[in-house]
Amino acid sequence: MKYLYLIIPFFLIISCASSEQNNISLAKLNKQIQKQEKQTDSLYNLNKKQYDFLKKAAQEQPEKWQNLAKSSDEVFKLGNTIYQYTKQLKDELKDNTVNQNDVNTMYSTADYDTFISKTKVLIKQLDDFYTINKNKKVNPTYYIEKFNTHEVYKNQQGEIVNYIDYHFKDKTRVGLLLALSKIQFETRFYQHIYMK
């Protein structure tokens, strides 16, 4: 329950984007994304404090804290790598937005293919993150499955699709930006629940 204040606003944004995606203005989108990025940054600040505490504790009492500090180091550093790469992808999407209406349009096939080729790096990072975390005892235990890129999903048409198609296929720039923001948030949230 104590994490609901972080999760509910984000998923309200996602559901709004899914149902009214073509009607969202760039100004409204930017406001929503800025709000989510602020929440994600707040999580980072909490995570960094806990990470620094664990590093210091491991230096002072290695027998008690060293193992947790070492595994937290993996979670923190790889999570930050995922965050930075998704930020780079988001920045490229924003940079390629020529005008206010462009953000609501579909990518051209060439642009989308380029975007998807860049997500292959992200998928590798998510696979690594999943691999190092899948056997760790973290509550809620299901949360690490959000990073399992080998999972199959059912889309709105009821078709079984892979991770990339489920998260990115046939989405406008709005949808792609919000999908990347969701990955950023989930990464920061997992770091938070792991190191709390």
N, C-alpha and C. Protein backbone atom coordinates (compact mmCIF):
# COMPACT_ATOMS: atom_id res chain seq x y z
N MET A 1 0.81 -1.20 0.00
CA MET A 1 0.00 0.00 0.00
C MET A 1 0.85 1.26 0.00
N LYS A 2 2.01 1.21 0.67
CA LYS A 2 2.77 2.44 0.81
C LYS A 2 3.36 2.93 -0.51
N TYR A 3 3.36 2.08 -1.56
CA TYR A 3 3.89 2.51 -2.84
C TYR A 3 2.81 3.04 -3.78
N LEU A 4 1.55 2.95 -3.38
CA LEU A 4 0.48 3.35 -4.28
C LEU A 4 0.56 4.82 -4.68
N TYR A 5 1.04 5.67 -3.76
CA TYR A 5 1.13 7.09 -4.08
C TYR A 5 2.09 7.34 -5.24
N LEU A 6 3.00 6.42 -5.49
CA LEU A 6 3.92 6.55 -6.62
C LEU A 6 3.35 5.94 -7.89
N ILE A 7 2.61 4.86 -7.75
CA ILE A 7 2.16 4.10 -8.92
C ILE A 7 0.90 4.67 -9.55
N ILE A 8 -0.08 5.05 -8.74
CA ILE A 8 -1.38 5.46 -9.27
C ILE A 8 -1.29 6.63 -10.23
N PRO A 9 -0.60 7.75 -9.88
CA PRO A 9 -0.56 8.86 -10.85
C PRO A 9 0.04 8.46 -12.19
N PHE A 10 1.05 7.58 -12.17
CA PHE A 10 1.70 7.19 -13.41
C PHE A 10 0.74 6.40 -14.30
N PHE A 11 0.01 5.45 -13.71
CA PHE A 11 -0.85 4.63 -14.54
C PHE A 11 -2.10 5.38 -14.99
N LEU A 12 -2.49 6.43 -14.28
CA LEU A 12 -3.54 7.30 -14.78
C LEU A 12 -3.09 7.99 -16.05
N ILE A 13 -1.82 8.41 -16.08
CA ILE A 13 -1.26 9.05 -17.27
C ILE A 13 -1.25 8.05 -18.43
N ILE A 14 -0.79 6.83 -18.18
CA ILE A 14 -0.71 5.81 -19.24
C ILE A 14 -2.11 5.50 -19.79
N SER A 15 -3.09 5.32 -18.90
CA SER A 15 -4.42 4.97 -19.38
C SER A 15 -5.03 6.12 -20.16
N CYS A 16 -4.78 7.34 -19.73
CA CYS A 16 -5.27 8.52 -20.45
C CYS A 16 -4.66 8.55 -21.85
N ALA A 17 -3.37 8.26 -21.94
CA ALA A 17 -2.69 8.30 -23.23
C ALA A 17 -3.21 7.20 -24.16
N SER A 18 -3.55 6.04 -23.58
CA SER A 18 -4.02 4.94 -24.42
C SER A 18 -5.40 5.24 -25.01
N SER A 19 -6.29 5.81 -24.21
CA SER A 19 -7.65 5.99 -24.69
C SER A 19 -7.85 7.25 -25.51
N GLU A 20 -7.04 8.29 -25.28
CA GLU A 20 -7.23 9.55 -25.98
C GLU A 20 -5.96 10.02 -26.67
N GLN A 21 -5.15 9.08 -27.09
CA GLN A 21 -3.82 9.39 -27.58
C GLN A 21 -3.80 10.45 -28.68
N ASN A 22 -4.73 10.36 -29.60
CA ASN A 22 -4.71 11.30 -30.73
C ASN A 22 -5.17 12.70 -30.36
N ASN A 23 -5.78 12.87 -29.18
CA ASN A 23 -6.30 14.17 -28.78
C ASN A 23 -5.38 14.92 -27.83
N ILE A 24 -4.29 14.32 -27.43
CA ILE A 24 -3.41 14.96 -26.46
C ILE A 24 -2.56 16.00 -27.17
N SER A 25 -2.58 17.20 -26.66
CA SER A 25 -1.73 18.24 -27.23
C SER A 25 -0.31 18.07 -26.72
N LEU A 26 0.64 18.63 -27.45
CA LEU A 26 2.03 18.54 -27.04
C LEU A 26 2.24 19.18 -25.67
N ALA A 27 1.56 20.30 -25.42
CA ALA A 27 1.70 20.98 -24.13
C ALA A 27 1.24 20.09 -22.99
N LYS A 28 0.10 19.42 -23.19
CA LYS A 28 -0.43 18.53 -22.15
C LYS A 28 0.50 17.33 -21.97
N LEU A 29 0.96 16.79 -23.07
CA LEU A 29 1.90 15.67 -23.00
C LEU A 29 3.15 16.05 -22.22
N ASN A 30 3.72 17.19 -22.57
CA ASN A 30 4.93 17.63 -21.87
C ASN A 30 4.70 17.80 -20.38
N LYS A 31 3.53 18.32 -20.02
CA LYS A 31 3.20 18.50 -18.60
C LYS A 31 3.12 17.15 -17.90
N GLN A 32 2.47 16.18 -18.55
CA GLN A 32 2.35 14.84 -17.97
C GLN A 32 3.71 14.17 -17.84
N ILE A 33 4.50 14.27 -18.91
CA ILE A 33 5.82 13.63 -18.87
C ILE A 33 6.71 14.30 -17.82
N GLN A 34 6.66 15.63 -17.72
CA GLN A 34 7.45 16.33 -16.71
C GLN A 34 7.05 15.91 -15.30
N LYS A 35 5.75 15.75 -15.07
CA LYS A 35 5.28 15.29 -13.75
C LYS A 35 5.82 13.90 -13.45
N GLN A 36 5.74 13.00 -14.45
CA GLN A 36 6.24 11.65 -14.23
C GLN A 36 7.75 11.64 -14.03
N GLU A 37 8.46 12.45 -14.81
CA GLU A 37 9.92 12.52 -14.67
C GLU A 37 10.31 13.05 -13.30
N LYS A 38 9.51 13.98 -12.77
CA LYS A 38 9.77 14.51 -11.42
C LYS A 38 9.61 13.41 -10.38
N GLN A 39 8.56 12.59 -10.52
CA GLN A 39 8.36 11.47 -9.59
C GLN A 39 9.50 10.45 -9.72
N THR A 40 9.90 10.19 -10.95
CA THR A 40 11.00 9.25 -11.19
C THR A 40 12.30 9.79 -10.62
N ASP A 41 12.54 11.09 -10.76
CA ASP A 41 13.74 11.71 -10.18
C ASP A 41 13.71 11.67 -8.65
N SER A 42 12.53 11.84 -8.06
CA SER A 42 12.40 11.74 -6.60
C SER A 42 12.78 10.35 -6.12
N LEU A 43 12.34 9.34 -6.88
CA LEU A 43 12.73 7.97 -6.54
C LEU A 43 14.25 7.81 -6.64
N TYR A 44 14.85 8.39 -7.68
CA TYR A 44 16.30 8.30 -7.82
C TYR A 44 16.99 8.89 -6.59
N ASN A 45 16.53 10.03 -6.12
CA ASN A 45 17.14 10.67 -4.95
C ASN A 45 17.06 9.78 -3.72
N LEU A 46 15.90 9.14 -3.53
CA LEU A 46 15.76 8.19 -2.41
C LEU A 46 16.71 7.00 -2.60
N ASN A 47 16.76 6.49 -3.83
CA ASN A 47 17.62 5.34 -4.12
C ASN A 47 19.09 5.67 -3.89
N LYS A 48 19.50 6.86 -4.31
CA LYS A 48 20.90 7.28 -4.16
C LYS A 48 21.27 7.38 -2.69
N LYS A 49 20.39 7.92 -1.87
CA LYS A 49 20.65 8.01 -0.43
C LYS A 49 20.84 6.62 0.18
N GLN A 50 19.94 5.70 -0.21
CA GLN A 50 20.04 4.34 0.32
C GLN A 50 21.30 3.64 -0.18
N TYR A 51 21.62 3.85 -1.44
CA TYR A 51 22.83 3.27 -2.04
C TYR A 51 24.07 3.79 -1.31
N ASP A 52 24.15 5.08 -1.06
CA ASP A 52 25.28 5.67 -0.33
C ASP A 52 25.36 5.13 1.09
N PHE A 53 24.19 4.96 1.73
CA PHE A 53 24.17 4.40 3.08
C PHE A 53 24.74 2.98 3.09
N LEU A 54 24.31 2.16 2.12
CA LEU A 54 24.78 0.77 2.07
C LEU A 54 26.28 0.69 1.79
N LYS A 55 26.78 1.56 0.92
CA LYS A 55 28.23 1.57 0.65
C LYS A 55 29.01 1.91 1.91
N LYS A 56 28.54 2.93 2.63
CA LYS A 56 29.22 3.34 3.87
C LYS A 56 29.13 2.25 4.93
N ALA A 57 27.95 1.66 5.07
CA ALA A 57 27.75 0.59 6.05
C ALA A 57 28.66 -0.61 5.74
N ALA A 58 28.84 -0.91 4.45
CA ALA A 58 29.70 -2.03 4.05
C ALA A 58 31.16 -1.76 4.39
N GLN A 59 31.57 -0.50 4.33
CA GLN A 59 32.95 -0.15 4.70
C GLN A 59 33.15 -0.26 6.21
N GLU A 60 32.13 0.14 6.98
CA GLU A 60 32.24 0.14 8.44
C GLU A 60 32.00 -1.23 9.05
N GLN A 61 31.07 -2.00 8.48
CA GLN A 61 30.76 -3.34 8.99
C GLN A 61 30.63 -4.32 7.82
N PRO A 62 31.75 -4.68 7.21
CA PRO A 62 31.68 -5.52 6.00
C PRO A 62 30.99 -6.87 6.22
N GLU A 63 31.19 -7.47 7.38
CA GLU A 63 30.59 -8.79 7.63
C GLU A 63 29.06 -8.72 7.61
N LYS A 64 28.49 -7.59 7.95
CA LYS A 64 27.04 -7.45 8.01
C LYS A 64 26.44 -6.92 6.70
N TRP A 65 27.12 -6.01 6.02
CA TRP A 65 26.53 -5.28 4.92
C TRP A 65 27.14 -5.54 3.54
N GLN A 66 28.26 -6.22 3.49
CA GLN A 66 28.99 -6.33 2.22
C GLN A 66 28.18 -7.01 1.10
N ASN A 67 27.50 -8.11 1.42
CA ASN A 67 26.75 -8.82 0.37
C ASN A 67 25.60 -7.98 -0.18
N LEU A 68 24.86 -7.33 0.72
CA LEU A 68 23.75 -6.48 0.28
C LEU A 68 24.27 -5.28 -0.51
N ALA A 69 25.38 -4.71 -0.06
CA ALA A 69 25.95 -3.56 -0.77
C ALA A 69 26.41 -3.96 -2.17
N LYS A 70 26.99 -5.15 -2.29
CA LYS A 70 27.46 -5.61 -3.60
C LYS A 70 26.29 -5.82 -4.57
N SER A 71 25.25 -6.50 -4.11
CA SER A 71 24.11 -6.74 -5.00
C SER A 71 23.36 -5.44 -5.29
N SER A 72 23.30 -4.53 -4.32
CA SER A 72 22.67 -3.22 -4.56
C SER A 72 23.46 -2.41 -5.58
N ASP A 73 24.77 -2.58 -5.57
CA ASP A 73 25.62 -1.90 -6.53
C ASP A 73 25.25 -2.33 -7.96
N GLU A 74 25.02 -3.63 -8.16
CA GLU A 74 24.61 -4.14 -9.48
C GLU A 74 23.26 -3.55 -9.90
N VAL A 75 22.31 -3.59 -8.98
CA VAL A 75 20.96 -3.10 -9.26
C VAL A 75 21.00 -1.60 -9.57
N PHE A 76 21.76 -0.86 -8.78
CA PHE A 76 21.82 0.59 -8.93
C PHE A 76 22.49 0.98 -10.25
N LYS A 77 23.63 0.39 -10.53
CA LYS A 77 24.38 0.79 -11.73
C LYS A 77 23.70 0.36 -13.02
N LEU A 78 23.22 -0.87 -13.10
CA LEU A 78 22.56 -1.31 -14.33
C LEU A 78 21.22 -0.60 -14.50
N GLY A 79 20.51 -0.37 -13.40
CA GLY A 79 19.27 0.40 -13.47
C GLY A 79 19.51 1.80 -14.00
N ASN A 80 20.60 2.42 -13.57
CA ASN A 80 20.94 3.76 -14.06
C ASN A 80 21.30 3.73 -15.55
N THR A 81 21.94 2.67 -15.99
CA THR A 81 22.28 2.52 -17.41
C THR A 81 20.99 2.44 -18.25
N ILE A 82 20.02 1.65 -17.77
CA ILE A 82 18.73 1.54 -18.47
C ILE A 82 18.04 2.90 -18.51
N TYR A 83 18.04 3.59 -17.39
CA TYR A 83 17.40 4.91 -17.33
C TYR A 83 18.03 5.87 -18.34
N GLN A 84 19.35 5.91 -18.36
CA GLN A 84 20.05 6.85 -19.25
C GLN A 84 19.80 6.52 -20.72
N TYR A 85 19.77 5.23 -21.05
CA TYR A 85 19.54 4.87 -22.45
C TYR A 85 18.11 5.20 -22.88
N THR A 86 17.13 4.94 -22.01
CA THR A 86 15.75 5.30 -22.35
C THR A 86 15.61 6.82 -22.45
N LYS A 87 16.35 7.54 -21.63
CA LYS A 87 16.33 9.01 -21.73
C LYS A 87 16.87 9.46 -23.09
N GLN A 88 17.93 8.81 -23.53
CA GLN A 88 18.50 9.13 -24.85
C GLN A 88 17.47 8.88 -25.96
N LEU A 89 16.77 7.74 -25.89
CA LEU A 89 15.74 7.43 -26.89
C LEU A 89 14.61 8.46 -26.84
N LYS A 90 14.21 8.86 -25.64
CA LYS A 90 13.15 9.87 -25.51
C LYS A 90 13.61 11.21 -26.09
N ASP A 91 14.84 11.59 -25.79
CA ASP A 91 15.37 12.86 -26.31
C ASP A 91 15.39 12.86 -27.84
N GLU A 92 15.76 11.72 -28.43
CA GLU A 92 15.78 11.63 -29.90
C GLU A 92 14.36 11.75 -30.47
N LEU A 93 13.39 11.13 -29.80
CA LEU A 93 12.00 11.26 -30.24
C LEU A 93 11.55 12.71 -30.19
N LYS A 94 11.89 13.39 -29.10
CA LYS A 94 11.49 14.79 -28.95
C LYS A 94 12.21 15.67 -29.97
N ASP A 95 13.48 15.40 -30.20
CA ASP A 95 14.25 16.20 -31.16
C ASP A 95 13.71 16.05 -32.57
N ASN A 96 13.14 14.89 -32.88
CA ASN A 96 12.61 14.64 -34.21
C ASN A 96 11.17 15.12 -34.38
N THR A 97 10.63 15.74 -33.32
CA THR A 97 9.27 16.27 -33.40
C THR A 97 9.34 17.68 -33.95
N VAL A 98 8.85 17.86 -35.15
CA VAL A 98 8.99 19.13 -35.85
C VAL A 98 7.99 20.16 -35.37
N ASN A 99 6.75 19.76 -35.15
CA ASN A 99 5.73 20.73 -34.73
C ASN A 99 4.79 20.08 -33.74
N GLN A 100 3.88 20.87 -33.22
CA GLN A 100 2.98 20.41 -32.16
C GLN A 100 2.18 19.19 -32.58
N ASN A 101 1.70 19.14 -33.82
CA ASN A 101 0.89 18.02 -34.26
C ASN A 101 1.71 16.78 -34.57
N ASP A 102 2.99 16.97 -34.84
CA ASP A 102 3.86 15.86 -35.23
C ASP A 102 3.96 14.81 -34.12
N VAL A 103 3.89 15.25 -32.87
CA VAL A 103 4.02 14.31 -31.76
C VAL A 103 2.88 13.31 -31.73
N ASN A 104 1.75 13.65 -32.32
CA ASN A 104 0.60 12.74 -32.35
C ASN A 104 0.54 11.87 -33.59
N THR A 105 1.52 11.99 -34.46
CA THR A 105 1.51 11.21 -35.70
C THR A 105 2.31 9.92 -35.53
N MET A 106 2.06 9.00 -36.42
CA MET A 106 2.83 7.77 -36.42
C MET A 106 4.22 8.06 -37.00
N TYR A 107 5.18 7.30 -36.55
CA TYR A 107 6.48 7.33 -37.18
C TYR A 107 6.34 6.84 -38.62
N SER A 108 7.18 7.33 -39.53
CA SER A 108 7.25 6.71 -40.84
C SER A 108 7.89 5.33 -40.65
N THR A 109 7.75 4.47 -41.62
CA THR A 109 8.31 3.11 -41.49
C THR A 109 9.81 3.15 -41.25
N ALA A 110 10.51 4.02 -41.96
CA ALA A 110 11.97 4.11 -41.81
C ALA A 110 12.33 4.60 -40.40
N ASP A 111 11.61 5.61 -39.91
CA ASP A 111 11.88 6.13 -38.57
C ASP A 111 11.59 5.07 -37.51
N TYR A 112 10.47 4.36 -37.69
CA TYR A 112 10.10 3.34 -36.72
C TYR A 112 11.11 2.20 -36.72
N ASP A 113 11.57 1.79 -37.90
CA ASP A 113 12.57 0.73 -37.99
C ASP A 113 13.87 1.15 -37.30
N THR A 114 14.25 2.41 -37.45
CA THR A 114 15.45 2.92 -36.77
C THR A 114 15.24 2.90 -35.26
N PHE A 115 14.07 3.33 -34.81
CA PHE A 115 13.76 3.32 -33.38
C PHE A 115 13.83 1.89 -32.84
N ILE A 116 13.20 0.94 -33.54
CA ILE A 116 13.19 -0.45 -33.09
C ILE A 116 14.61 -1.02 -33.06
N SER A 117 15.44 -0.66 -34.04
CA SER A 117 16.83 -1.17 -34.02
C SER A 117 17.56 -0.65 -32.79
N LYS A 118 17.25 0.56 -32.34
CA LYS A 118 17.88 1.12 -31.14
C LYS A 118 17.35 0.46 -29.87
N THR A 119 16.12 -0.05 -29.91
CA THR A 119 15.59 -0.69 -28.71
C THR A 119 16.27 -2.04 -28.45
N LYS A 120 17.00 -2.56 -29.42
CA LYS A 120 17.71 -3.83 -29.20
C LYS A 120 18.75 -3.68 -28.09
N VAL A 121 19.38 -2.52 -28.01
CA VAL A 121 20.32 -2.25 -26.92
C VAL A 121 19.56 -2.25 -25.59
N LEU A 122 18.41 -1.59 -25.58
CA LEU A 122 17.59 -1.54 -24.37
C LEU A 122 17.15 -2.94 -23.95
N ILE A 123 16.74 -3.76 -24.90
CA ILE A 123 16.31 -5.13 -24.59
C ILE A 123 17.46 -5.91 -23.94
N LYS A 124 18.66 -5.76 -24.45
CA LYS A 124 19.83 -6.43 -23.85
C LYS A 124 20.04 -5.96 -22.42
N GLN A 125 19.90 -4.66 -22.18
CA GLN A 125 20.05 -4.12 -20.83
C GLN A 125 18.97 -4.67 -19.90
N LEU A 126 17.73 -4.72 -20.40
CA LEU A 126 16.64 -5.26 -19.59
C LEU A 126 16.84 -6.75 -19.30
N ASP A 127 17.34 -7.49 -20.29
CA ASP A 127 17.64 -8.92 -20.09
C ASP A 127 18.69 -9.09 -18.99
N ASP A 128 19.74 -8.28 -19.03
CA ASP A 128 20.78 -8.34 -18.00
C ASP A 128 20.21 -8.01 -16.62
N PHE A 129 19.38 -6.99 -16.59
CA PHE A 129 18.75 -6.56 -15.32
C PHE A 129 17.88 -7.68 -14.77
N TYR A 130 17.10 -8.31 -15.65
CA TYR A 130 16.24 -9.41 -15.23
C TYR A 130 17.08 -10.58 -14.71
N THR A 131 18.14 -10.91 -15.43
CA THR A 131 18.99 -12.05 -15.07
C THR A 131 19.61 -11.88 -13.69
N ILE A 132 20.13 -10.68 -13.40
CA ILE A 132 20.79 -10.51 -12.10
C ILE A 132 19.78 -10.40 -10.95
N ASN A 133 18.51 -10.15 -11.28
CA ASN A 133 17.52 -9.94 -10.22
C ASN A 133 16.49 -11.05 -10.06
N LYS A 134 16.39 -11.97 -11.02
CA LYS A 134 15.25 -12.90 -11.01
C LYS A 134 15.23 -13.84 -9.80
N ASN A 135 16.37 -14.09 -9.20
CA ASN A 135 16.40 -15.00 -8.05
C ASN A 135 16.50 -14.28 -6.71
N LYS A 136 16.41 -12.96 -6.75
CA LYS A 136 16.49 -12.19 -5.50
C LYS A 136 15.12 -12.12 -4.85
N LYS A 137 15.12 -12.16 -3.54
CA LYS A 137 13.87 -12.13 -2.78
C LYS A 137 13.45 -10.68 -2.59
N VAL A 138 12.59 -10.20 -3.48
CA VAL A 138 12.15 -8.81 -3.43
C VAL A 138 10.62 -8.79 -3.41
N ASN A 139 10.06 -7.96 -2.55
CA ASN A 139 8.61 -7.80 -2.51
C ASN A 139 8.22 -6.47 -3.14
N PRO A 140 7.21 -6.40 -3.99
CA PRO A 140 6.42 -7.56 -4.43
C PRO A 140 7.21 -8.44 -5.38
N THR A 141 7.12 -9.76 -5.19
CA THR A 141 7.95 -10.70 -5.93
C THR A 141 7.69 -10.69 -7.43
N TYR A 142 6.46 -10.36 -7.85
CA TYR A 142 6.14 -10.36 -9.28
C TYR A 142 6.81 -9.22 -10.03
N TYR A 143 7.31 -8.20 -9.31
CA TYR A 143 7.71 -6.97 -9.98
C TYR A 143 8.86 -7.16 -10.96
N ILE A 144 9.77 -8.08 -10.66
CA ILE A 144 10.92 -8.29 -11.54
C ILE A 144 10.47 -8.80 -12.90
N GLU A 145 9.31 -9.45 -12.99
CA GLU A 145 8.82 -9.98 -14.26
C GLU A 145 8.55 -8.88 -15.29
N LYS A 146 8.41 -7.64 -14.84
CA LYS A 146 8.22 -6.53 -15.77
C LYS A 146 9.44 -6.34 -16.67
N PHE A 147 10.58 -6.89 -16.28
CA PHE A 147 11.82 -6.76 -17.06
C PHE A 147 12.13 -8.01 -17.87
N ASN A 148 11.21 -8.97 -17.86
CA ASN A 148 11.40 -10.22 -18.60
C ASN A 148 10.98 -10.01 -20.06
N THR A 149 11.95 -9.77 -20.92
CA THR A 149 11.65 -9.47 -22.32
C THR A 149 11.32 -10.73 -23.14
N HIS A 150 11.44 -11.89 -22.51
CA HIS A 150 11.09 -13.14 -23.21
C HIS A 150 9.64 -13.53 -22.94
N GLU A 151 8.98 -12.77 -22.10
CA GLU A 151 7.56 -12.98 -21.81
C GLU A 151 6.74 -12.63 -23.05
N VAL A 152 5.62 -13.32 -23.25
CA VAL A 152 4.72 -12.96 -24.33
C VAL A 152 3.49 -12.27 -23.74
N TYR A 153 2.87 -11.41 -24.53
CA TYR A 153 1.77 -10.57 -24.05
C TYR A 153 0.58 -10.71 -24.99
N LYS A 154 -0.58 -10.34 -24.49
CA LYS A 154 -1.78 -10.30 -25.32
C LYS A 154 -2.10 -8.82 -25.56
N ASN A 155 -2.13 -8.43 -26.84
CA ASN A 155 -2.43 -7.03 -27.16
C ASN A 155 -3.94 -6.77 -27.13
N GLN A 156 -4.35 -5.55 -27.46
CA GLN A 156 -5.76 -5.18 -27.40
C GLN A 156 -6.62 -5.96 -28.38
N GLN A 157 -6.01 -6.48 -29.44
CA GLN A 157 -6.75 -7.29 -30.41
C GLN A 157 -6.79 -8.77 -30.00
N GLY A 158 -6.17 -9.09 -28.85
CA GLY A 158 -6.16 -10.47 -28.38
C GLY A 158 -5.06 -11.32 -28.98
N GLU A 159 -4.16 -10.70 -29.75
CA GLU A 159 -3.07 -11.44 -30.38
C GLU A 159 -1.91 -11.61 -29.39
N ILE A 160 -1.20 -12.72 -29.51
CA ILE A 160 -0.02 -12.95 -28.69
C ILE A 160 1.17 -12.28 -29.38
N VAL A 161 1.84 -11.39 -28.66
CA VAL A 161 2.95 -10.62 -29.25
C VAL A 161 4.15 -10.64 -28.31
N ASN A 162 5.31 -10.28 -28.87
CA ASN A 162 6.53 -10.23 -28.06
C ASN A 162 6.65 -8.89 -27.34
N TYR A 163 7.70 -8.75 -26.54
CA TYR A 163 7.90 -7.57 -25.71
C TYR A 163 7.95 -6.28 -26.54
N ILE A 164 8.73 -6.29 -27.61
CA ILE A 164 8.90 -5.08 -28.42
C ILE A 164 7.57 -4.67 -29.06
N ASP A 165 6.86 -5.63 -29.66
CA ASP A 165 5.59 -5.30 -30.31
C ASP A 165 4.56 -4.82 -29.28
N TYR A 166 4.54 -5.44 -28.13
CA TYR A 166 3.56 -5.05 -27.11
C TYR A 166 3.79 -3.62 -26.63
N HIS A 167 5.04 -3.26 -26.41
CA HIS A 167 5.34 -1.95 -25.84
C HIS A 167 5.46 -0.82 -26.87
N PHE A 168 5.84 -1.17 -28.11
CA PHE A 168 6.18 -0.11 -29.05
C PHE A 168 5.43 -0.12 -30.39
N LYS A 169 4.94 -1.25 -30.84
CA LYS A 169 4.39 -1.34 -32.20
C LYS A 169 3.13 -0.49 -32.37
N ASP A 170 3.04 0.18 -33.52
CA ASP A 170 1.86 0.97 -33.92
C ASP A 170 1.52 2.09 -32.95
N LYS A 171 2.51 2.59 -32.24
CA LYS A 171 2.26 3.70 -31.33
C LYS A 171 2.69 5.01 -31.95
N THR A 172 1.98 6.05 -31.61
CA THR A 172 2.39 7.39 -32.02
C THR A 172 3.62 7.79 -31.20
N ARG A 173 4.16 8.95 -31.49
CA ARG A 173 5.29 9.44 -30.69
C ARG A 173 4.88 9.58 -29.23
N VAL A 174 3.64 9.99 -28.99
CA VAL A 174 3.13 10.08 -27.62
C VAL A 174 3.24 8.71 -26.94
N GLY A 175 2.76 7.69 -27.62
CA GLY A 175 2.79 6.34 -27.05
C GLY A 175 4.20 5.85 -26.80
N LEU A 176 5.11 6.14 -27.73
CA LEU A 176 6.51 5.71 -27.57
C LEU A 176 7.16 6.43 -26.39
N LEU A 177 6.92 7.73 -26.28
CA LEU A 177 7.48 8.49 -25.15
C LEU A 177 6.97 7.96 -23.82
N LEU A 178 5.67 7.68 -23.77
CA LEU A 178 5.10 7.19 -22.51
C LEU A 178 5.55 5.77 -22.20
N ALA A 179 5.73 4.93 -23.23
CA ALA A 179 6.23 3.57 -23.01
C ALA A 179 7.64 3.62 -22.43
N LEU A 180 8.47 4.52 -22.95
CA LEU A 180 9.83 4.66 -22.43
C LEU A 180 9.82 5.23 -21.01
N SER A 181 8.92 6.17 -20.75
CA SER A 181 8.79 6.73 -19.41
C SER A 181 8.37 5.65 -18.41
N LYS A 182 7.52 4.75 -18.86
CA LYS A 182 7.07 3.64 -18.00
C LYS A 182 8.25 2.74 -17.63
N ILE A 183 9.11 2.44 -18.59
CA ILE A 183 10.29 1.62 -18.31
C ILE A 183 11.21 2.34 -17.33
N GLN A 184 11.38 3.65 -17.50
CA GLN A 184 12.21 4.43 -16.57
C GLN A 184 11.64 4.36 -15.16
N PHE A 185 10.34 4.57 -15.05
CA PHE A 185 9.71 4.55 -13.73
C PHE A 185 9.85 3.18 -13.09
N GLU A 186 9.57 2.13 -13.86
CA GLU A 186 9.63 0.78 -13.30
C GLU A 186 11.05 0.42 -12.85
N THR A 187 12.04 0.90 -13.58
CA THR A 187 13.43 0.65 -13.19
C THR A 187 13.75 1.34 -11.87
N ARG A 188 13.40 2.61 -11.77
CA ARG A 188 13.64 3.35 -10.52
C ARG A 188 12.85 2.74 -9.36
N PHE A 189 11.61 2.33 -9.64
CA PHE A 189 10.79 1.74 -8.57
C PHE A 189 11.38 0.42 -8.10
N TYR A 190 11.87 -0.40 -9.04
CA TYR A 190 12.49 -1.66 -8.63
C TYR A 190 13.74 -1.39 -7.78
N GLN A 191 14.57 -0.44 -8.19
CA GLN A 191 15.73 -0.08 -7.37
C GLN A 191 15.28 0.30 -5.97
N HIS A 192 14.20 1.04 -5.89
CA HIS A 192 13.69 1.53 -4.61
C HIS A 192 13.27 0.36 -3.71
N ILE A 193 12.46 -0.55 -4.25
CA ILE A 193 12.00 -1.65 -3.41
C ILE A 193 13.13 -2.62 -3.08
N TYR A 194 14.14 -2.69 -3.95
CA TYR A 194 15.26 -3.58 -3.67
C TYR A 194 16.14 -3.02 -2.55
N MET A 195 16.39 -1.73 -2.56
CA MET A 195 17.35 -1.15 -1.60
C MET A 195 16.70 -0.56 -0.35
N LYS A 196 15.37 -0.63 -0.26
CA LYS A 196 14.72 0.00 0.91
C LYS A 196 15.07 -0.72 2.20
